[in-house]
Amino acid sequence: MVEAYENNDYKESIELAAQLLSKSDLPTLIRARCHMMLSLKKGSDLAVQHAEAAVEILDVEARELVSPDEFPQEHLEQARDCLRQAKEDAEKRKIKAEAVKQKGGPSRSEKGEQSKKK
């Protein structure tokens, strides 16, 4: 998953992250990484939720599993960066959607409804 991302194969990395999350026995840090990866998907309505899940997994679950000196602080900081980016992206999309709506154009969801009617 990380290798695919580092090789700029974003679609593959997203697919692998989603597949891995379906496994119930996934280790805590890998679960957090999968959520972080999914939070990077631009335009995803679930990006913020995935980033929040990564932060919670690391800040709550991982803290309970390791001693303070072994806690993966750098992973938590990366998850918080993902959350910040996801929130910024969501805000930009919201502003863009509002601008389109004010101009009288259909929103993304309205476009979907229009195509279903055809």
PDB file of N, CA and C in Angstrom:
ATOM      1  N   MET A   1       0.828  -1.186   0.000  1.00  0.00           N
ATOM      2  CA  MET A   1       0.000   0.000   0.000  1.00  0.00           C
ATOM      3  C   MET A   1       0.877   1.256   0.000  1.00  0.00           C
ATOM      4  N   VAL A   2       1.814   1.330   0.934  1.00  0.00           N
ATOM      5  CA  VAL A   2       2.699   2.490   1.016  1.00  0.00           C
ATOM      6  C   VAL A   2       3.620   2.525  -0.200  1.00  0.00           C
ATOM      7  N   GLU A   3       4.087   1.349  -0.622  1.00  0.00           N
ATOM      8  CA  GLU A   3       4.956   1.282  -1.797  1.00  0.00           C
ATOM      9  C   GLU A   3       4.216   1.787  -3.039  1.00  0.00           C
ATOM     10  N   ALA A   4       2.962   1.392  -3.197  1.00  0.00           N
ATOM     11  CA  ALA A   4       2.170   1.862  -4.339  1.00  0.00           C
ATOM     12  C   ALA A   4       2.021   3.377  -4.286  1.00  0.00           C
ATOM     13  N   TYR A   5       1.784   3.914  -3.096  1.00  0.00           N
ATOM     14  CA  TYR A   5       1.645   5.363  -2.940  1.00  0.00           C
ATOM     15  C   TYR A   5       2.952   6.073  -3.294  1.00  0.00           C
ATOM     16  N   GLU A   6       4.059   5.540  -2.798  1.00  0.00           N
ATOM     17  CA  GLU A   6       5.368   6.151  -3.067  1.00  0.00           C
ATOM     18  C   GLU A   6       5.741   6.077  -4.545  1.00  0.00           C
ATOM     19  N   ASN A   7       5.172   5.094  -5.258  1.00  0.00           N
ATOM     20  CA  ASN A   7       5.392   4.966  -6.701  1.00  0.00           C
ATOM     21  C   ASN A   7       4.330   5.721  -7.502  1.00  0.00           C
ATOM     22  N   ASN A   8       3.614   6.604  -6.827  1.00  0.00           N
ATOM     23  CA  ASN A   8       2.576   7.441  -7.440  1.00  0.00           C
ATOM     24  C   ASN A   8       1.424   6.643  -8.031  1.00  0.00           C
ATOM     25  N   ASP A   9       1.218   5.438  -7.549  1.00  0.00           N
ATOM     26  CA  ASP A   9       0.070   4.637  -7.966  1.00  0.00           C
ATOM     27  C   ASP A   9      -1.015   4.808  -6.902  1.00  0.00           C
ATOM     28  N   TYR A  10      -1.635   5.983  -6.930  1.00  0.00           N
ATOM     29  CA  TYR A  10      -2.582   6.352  -5.881  1.00  0.00           C
ATOM     30  C   TYR A  10      -3.828   5.477  -5.893  1.00  0.00           C
ATOM     31  N   LYS A  11      -4.308   5.144  -7.083  1.00  0.00           N
ATOM     32  CA  LYS A  11      -5.503   4.304  -7.175  1.00  0.00           C
ATOM     33  C   LYS A  11      -5.248   2.953  -6.515  1.00  0.00           C
ATOM     34  N   GLU A  12      -4.114   2.350  -6.808  1.00  0.00           N
ATOM     35  CA  GLU A  12      -3.752   1.054  -6.227  1.00  0.00           C
ATOM     36  C   GLU A  12      -3.609   1.160  -4.709  1.00  0.00           C
ATOM     37  N   SER A  13      -2.985   2.223  -4.224  1.00  0.00           N
ATOM     38  CA  SER A  13      -2.788   2.370  -2.780  1.00  0.00           C
ATOM     39  C   SER A  13      -4.125   2.534  -2.062  1.00  0.00           C
ATOM     40  N   ILE A  14      -5.055   3.258  -2.668  1.00  0.00           N
ATOM     41  CA  ILE A  14      -6.387   3.440  -2.076  1.00  0.00           C
ATOM     42  C   ILE A  14      -7.129   2.105  -2.041  1.00  0.00           C
ATOM     43  N   GLU A  15      -7.062   1.358  -3.144  1.00  0.00           N
ATOM     44  CA  GLU A  15      -7.736   0.057  -3.204  1.00  0.00           C
ATOM     45  C   GLU A  15      -7.169  -0.909  -2.169  1.00  0.00           C
ATOM     46  N   LEU A  16      -5.851  -0.939  -2.036  1.00  0.00           N
ATOM     47  CA  LEU A  16      -5.220  -1.817  -1.051  1.00  0.00           C
ATOM     48  C   LEU A  16      -5.609  -1.428   0.370  1.00  0.00           C
ATOM     49  N   ALA A  17      -5.643  -0.137   0.647  1.00  0.00           N
ATOM     50  CA  ALA A  17      -6.027   0.327   1.984  1.00  0.00           C
ATOM     51  C   ALA A  17      -7.450  -0.106   2.314  1.00  0.00           C
ATOM     52  N   ALA A  18      -8.353   0.045   1.363  1.00  0.00           N
ATOM     53  CA  ALA A  18      -9.747  -0.354   1.584  1.00  0.00           C
ATOM     54  C   ALA A  18      -9.852  -1.863   1.802  1.00  0.00           C
ATOM     55  N   GLN A  19      -9.105  -2.640   1.028  1.00  0.00           N
ATOM     56  CA  GLN A  19      -9.114  -4.099   1.188  1.00  0.00           C
ATOM     57  C   GLN A  19      -8.566  -4.505   2.553  1.00  0.00           C
ATOM     58  N   LEU A  20      -7.479  -3.885   2.950  1.00  0.00           N
ATOM     59  CA  LEU A  20      -6.877  -4.223   4.241  1.00  0.00           C
ATOM     60  C   LEU A  20      -7.822  -3.929   5.401  1.00  0.00           C
ATOM     61  N   LEU A  21      -8.560  -2.834   5.313  1.00  0.00           N
ATOM     62  CA  LEU A  21      -9.472  -2.477   6.403  1.00  0.00           C
ATOM     63  C   LEU A  21     -10.595  -3.492   6.594  1.00  0.00           C
ATOM     64  N   SER A  22     -10.837  -4.315   5.595  1.00  0.00           N
ATOM     65  CA  SER A  22     -11.888  -5.330   5.723  1.00  0.00           C
ATOM     66  C   SER A  22     -11.437  -6.506   6.590  1.00  0.00           C
ATOM     67  N   LYS A  23     -10.156  -6.571   6.909  1.00  0.00           N
ATOM     68  CA  LYS A  23      -9.624  -7.663   7.734  1.00  0.00           C
ATOM     69  C   LYS A  23      -9.794  -7.318   9.212  1.00  0.00           C
ATOM     70  N   SER A  24     -10.401  -8.227   9.944  1.00  0.00           N
ATOM     71  CA  SER A  24     -10.695  -7.960  11.352  1.00  0.00           C
ATOM     72  C   SER A  24      -9.469  -8.043  12.254  1.00  0.00           C
ATOM     73  N   ASP A  25      -8.438  -8.752  11.830  1.00  0.00           N
ATOM     74  CA  ASP A  25      -7.261  -8.941  12.680  1.00  0.00           C
ATOM     75  C   ASP A  25      -6.104  -8.008  12.319  1.00  0.00           C
ATOM     76  N   LEU A  26      -6.420  -6.916  11.677  1.00  0.00           N
ATOM     77  CA  LEU A  26      -5.392  -5.974  11.233  1.00  0.00           C
ATOM     78  C   LEU A  26      -4.752  -5.271  12.438  1.00  0.00           C
ATOM     79  N   PRO A  27      -3.430  -5.234  12.508  1.00  0.00           N
ATOM     80  CA  PRO A  27      -2.762  -4.553  13.626  1.00  0.00           C
ATOM     81  C   PRO A  27      -3.138  -3.066  13.693  1.00  0.00           C
ATOM     82  N   THR A  28      -3.082  -2.524  14.868  1.00  0.00           N
ATOM     83  CA  THR A  28      -3.504  -1.148  15.132  1.00  0.00           C
ATOM     84  C   THR A  28      -2.821  -0.132  14.225  1.00  0.00           C
ATOM     85  N   LEU A  29      -1.501  -0.179  14.128  1.00  0.00           N
ATOM     86  CA  LEU A  29      -0.790   0.811  13.309  1.00  0.00           C
ATOM     87  C   LEU A  29      -1.128   0.684  11.827  1.00  0.00           C
ATOM     88  N   ILE A  30      -1.325  -0.534  11.353  1.00  0.00           N
ATOM     89  CA  ILE A  30      -1.681  -0.735   9.944  1.00  0.00           C
ATOM     90  C   ILE A  30      -3.086  -0.188   9.695  1.00  0.00           C
ATOM     91  N   ARG A  31      -3.998  -0.435  10.629  1.00  0.00           N
ATOM     92  CA  ARG A  31      -5.358   0.117  10.506  1.00  0.00           C
ATOM     93  C   ARG A  31      -5.319   1.632  10.420  1.00  0.00           C
ATOM     94  N   ALA A  32      -4.523   2.247  11.282  1.00  0.00           N
ATOM     95  CA  ALA A  32      -4.397   3.708  11.265  1.00  0.00           C
ATOM     96  C   ALA A  32      -3.829   4.177   9.933  1.00  0.00           C
ATOM     97  N   ARG A  33      -2.801   3.480   9.431  1.00  0.00           N
ATOM     98  CA  ARG A  33      -2.192   3.842   8.143  1.00  0.00           C
ATOM     99  C   ARG A  33      -3.196   3.718   6.996  1.00  0.00           C
ATOM    100  N   CYS A  34      -4.017   2.683   7.036  1.00  0.00           N
ATOM    101  CA  CYS A  34      -5.040   2.513   5.990  1.00  0.00           C
ATOM    102  C   CYS A  34      -6.011   3.689   5.998  1.00  0.00           C
ATOM    103  N   HIS A  35      -6.457   4.081   7.181  1.00  0.00           N
ATOM    104  CA  HIS A  35      -7.360   5.235   7.271  1.00  0.00           C
ATOM    105  C   HIS A  35      -6.662   6.506   6.791  1.00  0.00           C
ATOM    106  N   MET A  36      -5.389   6.650   7.125  1.00  0.00           N
ATOM    107  CA  MET A  36      -4.642   7.823   6.657  1.00  0.00           C
ATOM    108  C   MET A  36      -4.582   7.841   5.134  1.00  0.00           C
ATOM    109  N   MET A  37      -4.309   6.692   4.541  1.00  0.00           N
ATOM    110  CA  MET A  37      -4.229   6.589   3.082  1.00  0.00           C
ATOM    111  C   MET A  37      -5.572   6.962   2.453  1.00  0.00           C
ATOM    112  N   LEU A  38      -6.659   6.439   3.004  1.00  0.00           N
ATOM    113  CA  LEU A  38      -7.986   6.727   2.460  1.00  0.00           C
ATOM    114  C   LEU A  38      -8.371   8.190   2.658  1.00  0.00           C
ATOM    115  N   SER A  39      -7.815   8.823   3.665  1.00  0.00           N
ATOM    116  CA  SER A  39      -8.116  10.244   3.889  1.00  0.00           C
ATOM    117  C   SER A  39      -7.461  11.129   2.838  1.00  0.00           C
ATOM    118  N   LEU A  40      -6.472  10.599   2.130  1.00  0.00           N
ATOM    119  CA  LEU A  40      -5.759  11.380   1.115  1.00  0.00           C
ATOM    120  C   LEU A  40      -6.466  11.393  -0.233  1.00  0.00           C
ATOM    121  N   LYS A  41      -7.528  10.610  -0.363  1.00  0.00           N
ATOM    122  CA  LYS A  41      -8.254  10.547  -1.633  1.00  0.00           C
ATOM    123  C   LYS A  41      -8.990  11.868  -1.847  1.00  0.00           C
ATOM    124  N   LYS A  42      -8.524  12.624  -2.814  1.00  0.00           N
ATOM    125  CA  LYS A  42      -9.097  13.944  -3.096  1.00  0.00           C
ATOM    126  C   LYS A  42     -10.540  13.811  -3.556  1.00  0.00           C
ATOM    127  N   GLY A  43     -11.381  14.667  -3.048  1.00  0.00           N
ATOM    128  CA  GLY A  43     -12.780  14.677  -3.446  1.00  0.00           C
ATOM    129  C   GLY A  43     -13.634  13.651  -2.726  1.00  0.00           C
ATOM    130  N   SER A  44     -13.048  12.891  -1.825  1.00  0.00           N
ATOM    131  CA  SER A  44     -13.810  11.875  -1.107  1.00  0.00           C
ATOM    132  C   SER A  44     -14.637  12.517   0.000  1.00  0.00           C
ATOM    133  N   ASP A  45     -15.909  12.154   0.044  1.00  0.00           N
ATOM    134  CA  ASP A  45     -16.779  12.654   1.106  1.00  0.00           C
ATOM    135  C   ASP A  45     -16.430  12.025   2.453  1.00  0.00           C
ATOM    136  N   LEU A  46     -15.656  10.954   2.440  1.00  0.00           N
ATOM    137  CA  LEU A  46     -15.294  10.254   3.672  1.00  0.00           C
ATOM    138  C   LEU A  46     -13.876  10.551   4.147  1.00  0.00           C
ATOM    139  N   ALA A  47     -13.174  11.436   3.472  1.00  0.00           N
ATOM    140  CA  ALA A  47     -11.777  11.714   3.811  1.00  0.00           C
ATOM    141  C   ALA A  47     -11.617  12.189   5.252  1.00  0.00           C
ATOM    142  N   VAL A  48     -12.465  13.100   5.680  1.00  0.00           N
ATOM    143  CA  VAL A  48     -12.362  13.622   7.053  1.00  0.00           C
ATOM    144  C   VAL A  48     -12.616  12.501   8.060  1.00  0.00           C
ATOM    145  N   GLN A  49     -13.624  11.668   7.799  1.00  0.00           N
ATOM    146  CA  GLN A  49     -13.924  10.572   8.720  1.00  0.00           C
ATOM    147  C   GLN A  49     -12.764   9.583   8.805  1.00  0.00           C
ATOM    148  N   HIS A  50     -12.127   9.295   7.678  1.00  0.00           N
ATOM    149  CA  HIS A  50     -10.974   8.386   7.705  1.00  0.00           C
ATOM    150  C   HIS A  50      -9.816   9.001   8.496  1.00  0.00           C
ATOM    151  N   ALA A  51      -9.575  10.275   8.302  1.00  0.00           N
ATOM    152  CA  ALA A  51      -8.495  10.943   9.038  1.00  0.00           C
ATOM    153  C   ALA A  51      -8.800  10.974  10.536  1.00  0.00           C
ATOM    154  N   GLU A  52     -10.054  11.243  10.879  1.00  0.00           N
ATOM    155  CA  GLU A  52     -10.441  11.241  12.298  1.00  0.00           C
ATOM    156  C   GLU A  52     -10.258   9.855  12.903  1.00  0.00           C
ATOM    157  N   ALA A  53     -10.597   8.820  12.133  1.00  0.00           N
ATOM    158  CA  ALA A  53     -10.417   7.448  12.618  1.00  0.00           C
ATOM    159  C   ALA A  53      -8.942   7.158  12.868  1.00  0.00           C
ATOM    160  N   ALA A  54      -8.080   7.602  11.967  1.00  0.00           N
ATOM    161  CA  ALA A  54      -6.638   7.384  12.137  1.00  0.00           C
ATOM    162  C   ALA A  54      -6.130   8.061  13.403  1.00  0.00           C
ATOM    163  N   VAL A  55      -6.542   9.296  13.619  1.00  0.00           N
ATOM    164  CA  VAL A  55      -6.119  10.028  14.820  1.00  0.00           C
ATOM    165  C   VAL A  55      -6.616   9.314  16.069  1.00  0.00           C
ATOM    166  N   GLU A  56      -7.877   8.894  16.066  1.00  0.00           N
ATOM    167  CA  GLU A  56      -8.429   8.219  17.245  1.00  0.00           C
ATOM    168  C   GLU A  56      -7.727   6.884  17.506  1.00  0.00           C
ATOM    169  N   ILE A  57      -7.495   6.118  16.456  1.00  0.00           N
ATOM    170  CA  ILE A  57      -6.811   4.826  16.622  1.00  0.00           C
ATOM    171  C   ILE A  57      -5.442   5.032  17.262  1.00  0.00           C
ATOM    172  N   LEU A  58      -4.717   6.017  16.773  1.00  0.00           N
ATOM    173  CA  LEU A  58      -3.372   6.253  17.304  1.00  0.00           C
ATOM    174  C   LEU A  58      -3.405   6.883  18.690  1.00  0.00           C
ATOM    175  N   ASP A  59      -4.264   7.875  18.869  1.00  0.00           N
ATOM    176  CA  ASP A  59      -4.261   8.638  20.116  1.00  0.00           C
ATOM    177  C   ASP A  59      -4.919   7.886  21.269  1.00  0.00           C
ATOM    178  N   VAL A  60      -5.811   6.948  20.953  1.00  0.00           N
ATOM    179  CA  VAL A  60      -6.497   6.210  22.016  1.00  0.00           C
ATOM    180  C   VAL A  60      -5.998   4.762  22.080  1.00  0.00           C
ATOM    181  N   GLU A  61      -6.245   4.016  21.007  1.00  0.00           N
ATOM    182  CA  GLU A  61      -5.903   2.588  21.022  1.00  0.00           C
ATOM    183  C   GLU A  61      -4.402   2.339  21.142  1.00  0.00           C
ATOM    184  N   ALA A  62      -3.616   3.011  20.322  1.00  0.00           N
ATOM    185  CA  ALA A  62      -2.167   2.770  20.342  1.00  0.00           C
ATOM    186  C   ALA A  62      -1.557   3.192  21.672  1.00  0.00           C
ATOM    187  N   ARG A  63      -2.066   4.262  22.255  1.00  0.00           N
ATOM    188  CA  ARG A  63      -1.550   4.711  23.564  1.00  0.00           C
ATOM    189  C   ARG A  63      -1.737   3.645  24.635  1.00  0.00           C
ATOM    190  N   GLU A  64      -2.846   2.909  24.530  1.00  0.00           N
ATOM    191  CA  GLU A  64      -3.125   1.870  25.518  1.00  0.00           C
ATOM    192  C   GLU A  64      -2.244   0.636  25.326  1.00  0.00           C
ATOM    193  N   LEU A  65      -1.694   0.478  24.123  1.00  0.00           N
ATOM    194  CA  LEU A  65      -0.923  -0.726  23.811  1.00  0.00           C
ATOM    195  C   LEU A  65       0.564  -0.619  24.121  1.00  0.00           C
ATOM    196  N   VAL A  66       1.083   0.599  24.158  1.00  0.00           N
ATOM    197  CA  VAL A  66       2.530   0.765  24.339  1.00  0.00           C
ATOM    198  C   VAL A  66       2.825   1.740  25.475  1.00  0.00           C
ATOM    199  N   SER A  67       4.051   1.663  25.954  1.00  0.00           N
ATOM    200  CA  SER A  67       4.469   2.609  26.993  1.00  0.00           C
ATOM    201  C   SER A  67       4.692   3.982  26.355  1.00  0.00           C
ATOM    202  N   PRO A  68       4.653   5.044  27.153  1.00  0.00           N
ATOM    203  CA  PRO A  68       4.821   6.394  26.600  1.00  0.00           C
ATOM    204  C   PRO A  68       6.103   6.579  25.794  1.00  0.00           C
ATOM    205  N   ASP A  69       7.194   5.944  26.215  1.00  0.00           N
ATOM    206  CA  ASP A  69       8.447   6.121  25.469  1.00  0.00           C
ATOM    207  C   ASP A  69       8.463   5.340  24.150  1.00  0.00           C
ATOM    208  N   GLU A  70       7.543   4.396  23.968  1.00  0.00           N
ATOM    209  CA  GLU A  70       7.446   3.637  22.719  1.00  0.00           C
ATOM    210  C   GLU A  70       6.324   4.139  21.813  1.00  0.00           C
ATOM    211  N   PHE A  71       5.571   5.117  22.289  1.00  0.00           N
ATOM    212  CA  PHE A  71       4.423   5.607  21.513  1.00  0.00           C
ATOM    213  C   PHE A  71       4.888   6.210  20.188  1.00  0.00           C
ATOM    214  N   PRO A  72       4.235   5.838  19.081  1.00  0.00           N
ATOM    215  CA  PRO A  72       4.631   6.339  17.753  1.00  0.00           C
ATOM    216  C   PRO A  72       4.123   7.762  17.494  1.00  0.00           C
ATOM    217  N   GLN A  73       4.714   8.712  18.167  1.00  0.00           N
ATOM    218  CA  GLN A  73       4.283  10.107  18.073  1.00  0.00           C
ATOM    219  C   GLN A  73       4.305  10.627  16.633  1.00  0.00           C
ATOM    220  N   GLU A  74       5.323  10.211  15.863  1.00  0.00           N
ATOM    221  CA  GLU A  74       5.421  10.686  14.477  1.00  0.00           C
ATOM    222  C   GLU A  74       4.231  10.212  13.642  1.00  0.00           C
ATOM    223  N   HIS A  75       3.720   9.022  13.939  1.00  0.00           N
ATOM    224  CA  HIS A  75       2.539   8.530  13.225  1.00  0.00           C
ATOM    225  C   HIS A  75       1.312   9.370  13.580  1.00  0.00           C
ATOM    226  N   LEU A  76       1.199   9.718  14.852  1.00  0.00           N
ATOM    227  CA  LEU A  76       0.075  10.554  15.275  1.00  0.00           C
ATOM    228  C   LEU A  76       0.144  11.925  14.614  1.00  0.00           C
ATOM    229  N   GLU A  77       1.330  12.490  14.534  1.00  0.00           N
ATOM    230  CA  GLU A  77       1.477  13.796  13.872  1.00  0.00           C
ATOM    231  C   GLU A  77       1.111  13.700  12.394  1.00  0.00           C
ATOM    232  N   GLN A  78       1.503  12.613  11.746  1.00  0.00           N
ATOM    233  CA  GLN A  78       1.132  12.415  10.341  1.00  0.00           C
ATOM    234  C   GLN A  78      -0.382  12.286  10.194  1.00  0.00           C
ATOM    235  N   ALA A  79      -1.013  11.572  11.117  1.00  0.00           N
ATOM    236  CA  ALA A  79      -2.471  11.425  11.075  1.00  0.00           C
ATOM    237  C   ALA A  79      -3.150  12.781  11.273  1.00  0.00           C
ATOM    238  N   ARG A  80      -2.619  13.580  12.173  1.00  0.00           N
ATOM    239  CA  ARG A  80      -3.181  14.928  12.377  1.00  0.00           C
ATOM    240  C   ARG A  80      -2.997  15.793  11.132  1.00  0.00           C
ATOM    241  N   ASP A  81      -1.868  15.637  10.443  1.00  0.00           N
ATOM    242  CA  ASP A  81      -1.660  16.355   9.176  1.00  0.00           C
ATOM    243  C   ASP A  81      -2.680  15.908   8.132  1.00  0.00           C
ATOM    244  N   CYS A  82      -2.933  14.604   8.078  1.00  0.00           N
ATOM    245  CA  CYS A  82      -3.945  14.091   7.147  1.00  0.00           C
ATOM    246  C   CYS A  82      -5.314  14.677   7.468  1.00  0.00           C
ATOM    247  N   LEU A  83      -5.630  14.782   8.749  1.00  0.00           N
ATOM    248  CA  LEU A  83      -6.911  15.353   9.158  1.00  0.00           C
ATOM    249  C   LEU A  83      -7.001  16.816   8.757  1.00  0.00           C
ATOM    250  N   ARG A  84      -5.935  17.551   8.976  1.00  0.00           N
ATOM    251  CA  ARG A  84      -5.918  18.963   8.582  1.00  0.00           C
ATOM    252  C   ARG A  84      -6.124  19.101   7.076  1.00  0.00           C
ATOM    253  N   GLN A  85      -5.409  18.294   6.305  1.00  0.00           N
ATOM    254  CA  GLN A  85      -5.534  18.346   4.847  1.00  0.00           C
ATOM    255  C   GLN A  85      -6.938  17.963   4.391  1.00  0.00           C
ATOM    256  N   ALA A  86      -7.493  16.929   5.003  1.00  0.00           N
ATOM    257  CA  ALA A  86      -8.839  16.479   4.625  1.00  0.00           C
ATOM    258  C   ALA A  86      -9.877  17.560   4.929  1.00  0.00           C
ATOM    259  N   LYS A  87      -9.725  18.228   6.072  1.00  0.00           N
ATOM    260  CA  LYS A  87     -10.655  19.305   6.417  1.00  0.00           C
ATOM    261  C   LYS A  87     -10.512  20.481   5.461  1.00  0.00           C
ATOM    262  N   GLU A  88      -9.279  20.806   5.101  1.00  0.00           N
ATOM    263  CA  GLU A  88      -9.054  21.897   4.141  1.00  0.00           C
ATOM    264  C   GLU A  88      -9.677  21.561   2.793  1.00  0.00           C
ATOM    265  N   ASP A  89      -9.492  20.329   2.341  1.00  0.00           N
ATOM    266  CA  ASP A  89     -10.059  19.892   1.063  1.00  0.00           C
ATOM    267  C   ASP A  89     -11.587  19.932   1.112  1.00  0.00           C
ATOM    268  N   ALA A  90     -12.160  19.471   2.216  1.00  0.00           N
ATOM    269  CA  ALA A  90     -13.619  19.480   2.360  1.00  0.00           C
ATOM    270  C   ALA A  90     -14.152  20.909   2.347  1.00  0.00           C
ATOM    271  N   GLU A  91     -13.445  21.814   3.001  1.00  0.00           N
ATOM    272  CA  GLU A  91     -13.872  23.219   3.029  1.00  0.00           C
ATOM    273  C   GLU A  91     -13.796  23.830   1.632  1.00  0.00           C
ATOM    274  N   LYS A  92     -12.738  23.535   0.901  1.00  0.00           N
ATOM    275  CA  LYS A  92     -12.600  24.047  -0.469  1.00  0.00           C
ATOM    276  C   LYS A  92     -13.726  23.524  -1.353  1.00  0.00           C
ATOM    277  N   ARG A  93     -14.044  22.233  -1.210  1.00  0.00           N
ATOM    278  CA  ARG A  93     -15.124  21.657  -2.012  1.00  0.00           C
ATOM    279  C   ARG A  93     -16.463  22.279  -1.649  1.00  0.00           C
ATOM    280  N   LYS A  94     -16.653  22.561  -0.369  1.00  0.00           N
ATOM    281  CA  LYS A  94     -17.898  23.185   0.082  1.00  0.00           C
ATOM    282  C   LYS A  94     -18.032  24.587  -0.510  1.00  0.00           C
ATOM    283  N   ILE A  95     -16.959  25.359  -0.463  1.00  0.00           N
ATOM    284  CA  ILE A  95     -16.970  26.718  -1.016  1.00  0.00           C
ATOM    285  C   ILE A  95     -17.234  26.669  -2.514  1.00  0.00           C
ATOM    286  N   LYS A  96     -16.586  25.740  -3.197  1.00  0.00           N
ATOM    287  CA  LYS A  96     -16.772  25.610  -4.646  1.00  0.00           C
ATOM    288  C   LYS A  96     -18.212  25.224  -4.969  1.00  0.00           C
ATOM    289  N   ALA A  97     -18.780  24.303  -4.210  1.00  0.00           N
ATOM    290  CA  ALA A  97     -20.161  23.877  -4.439  1.00  0.00           C
ATOM    291  C   ALA A  97     -21.136  25.023  -4.199  1.00  0.00           C
ATOM    292  N   GLU A  98     -20.870  25.829  -3.166  1.00  0.00           N
ATOM    293  CA  GLU A  98     -21.733  26.979  -2.883  1.00  0.00           C
ATOM    294  C   GLU A  98     -21.642  28.010  -3.996  1.00  0.00           C
ATOM    295  N   ALA A  99     -20.447  28.208  -4.540  1.00  0.00           N
ATOM    296  CA  ALA A  99     -20.270  29.162  -5.639  1.00  0.00           C
ATOM    297  C   ALA A  99     -21.027  28.697  -6.875  1.00  0.00           C
ATOM    298  N   VAL A 100     -20.965  27.413  -7.167  1.00  0.00           N
ATOM    299  CA  VAL A 100     -21.695  26.863  -8.315  1.00  0.00           C
ATOM    300  C   VAL A 100     -23.192  27.017  -8.093  1.00  0.00           C
ATOM    301  N   LYS A 101     -23.630  26.758  -6.881  1.00  0.00           N
ATOM    302  CA  LYS A 101     -25.057  26.860  -6.558  1.00  0.00           C
ATOM    303  C   LYS A 101     -25.542  28.301  -6.704  1.00  0.00           C
ATOM    304  N   GLN A 102     -24.727  29.261  -6.272  1.00  0.00           N
ATOM    305  CA  GLN A 102     -25.108  30.674  -6.383  1.00  0.00           C
ATOM    306  C   GLN A 102     -25.196  31.111  -7.834  1.00  0.00           C
ATOM    307  N   LYS A 103     -24.379  30.499  -8.693  1.00  0.00           N
ATOM    308  CA  LYS A 103     -24.420  30.831 -10.115  1.00  0.00           C
ATOM    309  C   LYS A 103     -25.598  30.160 -10.811  1.00  0.00           C
ATOM    310  N   GLY A 104     -26.273  29.281 -10.108  1.00  0.00           N
ATOM    311  CA  GLY A 104     -27.439  28.626 -10.678  1.00  0.00           C
ATOM    312  C   GLY A 104     -27.151  27.290 -11.316  1.00  0.00           C
ATOM    313  N   GLY A 105     -25.921  26.844 -11.255  1.00  0.00           N
ATOM    314  CA  GLY A 105     -25.570  25.548 -11.822  1.00  0.00           C
ATOM    315  C   GLY A 105     -25.928  24.428 -10.862  1.00  0.00           C
ATOM    316  N   PRO A 106     -26.080  23.230 -11.391  1.00  0.00           N
ATOM    317  CA  PRO A 106     -26.425  22.102 -10.520  1.00  0.00           C
ATOM    318  C   PRO A 106     -25.249  21.691  -9.644  1.00  0.00           C
ATOM    319  N   SER A 107     -25.555  21.256  -8.448  1.00  0.00           N
ATOM    320  CA  SER A 107     -24.518  20.748  -7.555  1.00  0.00           C
ATOM    321  C   SER A 107     -24.142  19.343  -8.000  1.00  0.00           C
ATOM    322  N   ARG A 108     -23.125  18.791  -7.391  1.00  0.00           N
ATOM    323  CA  ARG A 108     -22.670  17.449  -7.731  1.00  0.00           C
ATOM    324  C   ARG A 108     -23.786  16.428  -7.509  1.00  0.00           C
ATOM    325  N   SER A 109     -24.506  16.543  -6.402  1.00  0.00           N
ATOM    326  CA  SER A 109     -25.584  15.597  -6.125  1.00  0.00           C
ATOM    327  C   SER A 109     -26.754  15.811  -7.074  1.00  0.00           C
ATOM    328  N   GLU A 110     -26.999  17.061  -7.435  1.00  0.00           N
ATOM    329  CA  GLU A 110     -28.071  17.333  -8.383  1.00  0.00           C
ATOM    330  C   GLU A 110     -27.731  16.776  -9.752  1.00  0.00           C
ATOM    331  N   LYS A 111     -26.461  16.839 -10.140  1.00  0.00           N
ATOM    332  CA  LYS A 111     -26.034  16.266 -11.417  1.00  0.00           C
ATOM    333  C   LYS A 111     -26.297  14.769 -11.422  1.00  0.00           C
ATOM    334  N   GLY A 112     -26.018  14.124 -10.301  1.00  0.00           N
ATOM    335  CA  GLY A 112     -26.263  12.687 -10.188  1.00  0.00           C
ATOM    336  C   GLY A 112     -27.731  12.360 -10.325  1.00  0.00           C
ATOM    337  N   GLU A 113     -28.575  13.170  -9.721  1.00  0.00           N
ATOM    338  CA  GLU A 113     -30.021  12.974  -9.825  1.00  0.00           C
ATOM    339  C   GLU A 113     -30.488  13.179 -11.255  1.00  0.00           C
ATOM    340  N   GLN A 114     -29.935  14.185 -11.935  1.00  0.00           N
ATOM    341  CA  GLN A 114     -30.322  14.453 -13.316  1.00  0.00           C
ATOM    342  C   GLN A 114     -29.944  13.289 -14.218  1.00  0.00           C
ATOM    343  N   SER A 115     -28.764  12.719 -14.009  1.00  0.00           N
ATOM    344  CA  SER A 115     -28.333  11.613 -14.867  1.00  0.00           C
ATOM    345  C   SER A 115     -29.149  10.356 -14.591  1.00  0.00           C
ATOM    346  N   LYS A 116     -29.649  10.182 -13.358  1.00  0.00           N
ATOM    347  CA  LYS A 116     -30.490   9.031 -13.035  1.00  0.00           C
ATOM    348  C   LYS A 116     -31.837   9.121 -13.744  1.00  0.00           C
ATOM    349  N   LYS A 117     -32.329  10.352 -13.934  1.00  0.00           N
ATOM    350  CA  LYS A 117     -33.632  10.551 -14.562  1.00  0.00           C
ATOM    351  C   LYS A 117     -33.596  10.274 -16.056  1.00  0.00           C
ATOM    352  N   LYS A 118     -32.422  10.384 -16.663  1.00  0.00           N
ATOM    353  CA  LYS A 118     -32.303  10.195 -18.124  1.00  0.00           C
ATOM    354  C   LYS A 118     -32.410   8.769 -18.548  1.00  0.00           C
TER     355      LYS A 118
END
